[in-house]
Amino acid sequence: MAENIKIINSTQEFDDMIKQNRYVLAEFWAEWCTPCRMVAPVIEKVAEQYSGKINVAKVDIDEQQELAIRYGIQTIPTIIFFKEGKFASKEIGVKPLASFARMIDSNIA
């Protein structure tokens, strides 16, 4: 996994990340999820491409059920972009790098 992706280990850690960083891309996933494994390399490329501009987090929905419920995660992978501490946009499923780039660029421009 890319070194610039933060694995979220608690609700408090996630809340702090959202509050302390202007832009956060959070991937909600699970170990058993095949589409999640498929999108993982794309998220790693996003983290590399936008290093220094956004923060990237991975939230395991099995370990962080409270966050999954809070954000209404019903399908994984779900990728949510937060701008200045607030929900900005969401993508669901396996998408190419260009889809995530459009989502990010439209929110940081």
Protein backbone atom coordinates (compact mmCIF):
# COMPACT_ATOMS: atom_id res chain seq x y z
CA MET A 1 0.00 0.00 0.00
CA ALA A 2 1.16 3.52 -0.75
CA GLU A 3 2.89 5.19 2.16
CA ASN A 4 0.71 8.30 1.82
CA ILE A 5 -2.54 6.42 2.54
CA LYS A 6 -3.70 6.54 6.16
CA ILE A 7 -5.38 3.43 7.57
CA ILE A 8 -8.14 4.60 9.92
CA ASN A 9 -8.18 2.75 13.24
CA SER A 10 -10.89 4.66 15.10
CA THR A 11 -13.79 7.04 14.67
CA GLN A 12 -11.82 9.72 16.53
CA GLU A 13 -8.85 9.31 14.19
CA PHE A 14 -11.14 9.75 11.18
CA ASP A 15 -12.88 12.78 12.67
CA ASP A 16 -9.51 14.37 13.45
CA MET A 17 -8.27 13.74 9.91
CA ILE A 18 -11.39 15.33 8.39
CA LYS A 19 -11.11 18.38 10.67
CA GLN A 20 -7.36 18.88 10.32
CA ASN A 21 -7.04 18.53 6.55
CA ARG A 22 -8.62 20.67 3.86
CA TYR A 23 -9.18 17.81 1.41
CA VAL A 24 -9.64 14.13 2.27
CA LEU A 25 -10.48 11.23 -0.04
CA ALA A 26 -11.80 8.29 2.03
CA GLU A 27 -12.19 4.80 0.65
CA PHE A 28 -14.69 2.65 2.54
CA TRP A 29 -13.80 -0.99 1.92
CA ALA A 30 -13.53 -4.49 3.44
CA GLU A 31 -10.88 -7.20 3.28
CA TRP A 32 -13.30 -9.76 1.76
CA CYS A 33 -14.49 -7.40 -1.01
CA THR A 34 -13.17 -8.32 -4.48
CA PRO A 35 -14.11 -4.97 -6.10
CA CYS A 36 -12.27 -3.25 -3.21
CA ARG A 37 -9.11 -5.17 -4.10
CA MET A 38 -9.61 -4.14 -7.72
CA VAL A 39 -9.88 -0.43 -6.91
CA ALA A 40 -7.00 -0.43 -4.38
CA PRO A 41 -4.23 0.13 -6.98
CA VAL A 42 -6.25 3.00 -8.48
CA ILE A 43 -6.60 4.65 -5.06
CA GLU A 44 -2.83 4.20 -4.56
CA LYS A 45 -2.22 6.02 -7.87
CA VAL A 46 -4.59 8.79 -6.76
CA ALA A 47 -2.65 9.11 -3.49
CA GLU A 48 0.63 9.38 -5.40
CA GLN A 49 -0.70 11.76 -8.06
CA TYR A 50 -2.29 14.11 -5.52
CA SER A 51 0.38 13.80 -2.83
CA GLY A 52 0.70 17.11 -1.01
CA LYS A 53 -2.70 18.29 -2.28
CA ILE A 54 -5.12 15.86 -0.63
CA ASN A 55 -5.03 13.27 2.14
CA VAL A 56 -6.18 9.73 1.42
CA ALA A 57 -7.69 7.39 4.00
CA LYS A 58 -8.88 3.77 3.98
CA VAL A 59 -11.77 2.87 6.27
CA ASP A 60 -12.44 -0.84 6.81
CA ILE A 61 -16.22 -1.02 7.29
CA ASP A 62 -15.95 -4.24 9.32
CA GLU A 63 -13.68 -2.55 11.84
CA GLN A 64 -15.27 0.91 11.70
CA GLN A 65 -18.98 0.12 11.54
CA GLU A 66 -19.94 3.41 13.19
CA LEU A 67 -18.35 5.38 10.33
CA ALA A 68 -20.01 3.15 7.73
CA ILE A 69 -23.39 3.81 9.34
CA ARG A 70 -22.70 7.55 9.70
CA TYR A 71 -21.99 7.93 5.98
CA GLY A 72 -24.69 5.50 4.79
CA ILE A 73 -22.29 3.04 3.22
CA GLN A 74 -24.40 0.31 1.64
CA THR A 75 -22.13 -0.73 -1.22
CA ILE A 76 -18.36 -1.05 -1.24
CA PRO A 77 -16.06 0.24 -2.37
CA THR A 78 -17.46 3.70 -1.73
CA ILE A 79 -15.10 6.63 -2.10
CA ILE A 80 -16.11 9.91 -0.47
CA PHE A 81 -14.36 13.25 -0.95
CA PHE A 82 -14.46 15.68 1.98
CA LYS A 83 -13.77 19.36 1.48
CA GLU A 84 -13.06 21.51 4.54
CA GLY A 85 -14.59 18.95 6.87
CA LYS A 86 -17.78 18.41 4.90
CA PHE A 87 -19.04 15.79 2.45
CA ALA A 88 -18.39 17.02 -1.10
CA SER A 89 -18.91 14.07 -3.46
CA LYS A 90 -19.03 10.28 -3.73
CA GLU A 91 -18.18 7.50 -6.17
CA ILE A 92 -19.35 3.90 -5.76
CA GLY A 93 -17.65 0.86 -7.27
CA VAL A 94 -14.57 0.27 -9.33
CA LYS A 95 -13.74 3.31 -11.43
CA PRO A 96 -10.75 4.33 -13.53
CA LEU A 97 -8.24 6.90 -12.30
CA ALA A 98 -9.82 9.55 -14.53
CA SER A 99 -13.14 9.32 -12.63
CA PHE A 100 -11.46 9.99 -9.30
CA ALA A 101 -9.31 12.72 -10.83
CA ARG A 102 -12.44 14.51 -12.10
CA MET A 103 -14.07 14.21 -8.67
CA ILE A 104 -11.00 15.62 -6.94
CA ASP A 105 -10.24 18.34 -9.50
CA SER A 106 -13.82 19.63 -9.42
CA ASN A 107 -13.57 20.05 -5.63
CA ILE A 108 -10.09 21.53 -5.28
CA ALA A 109 -10.21 23.93 -8.22
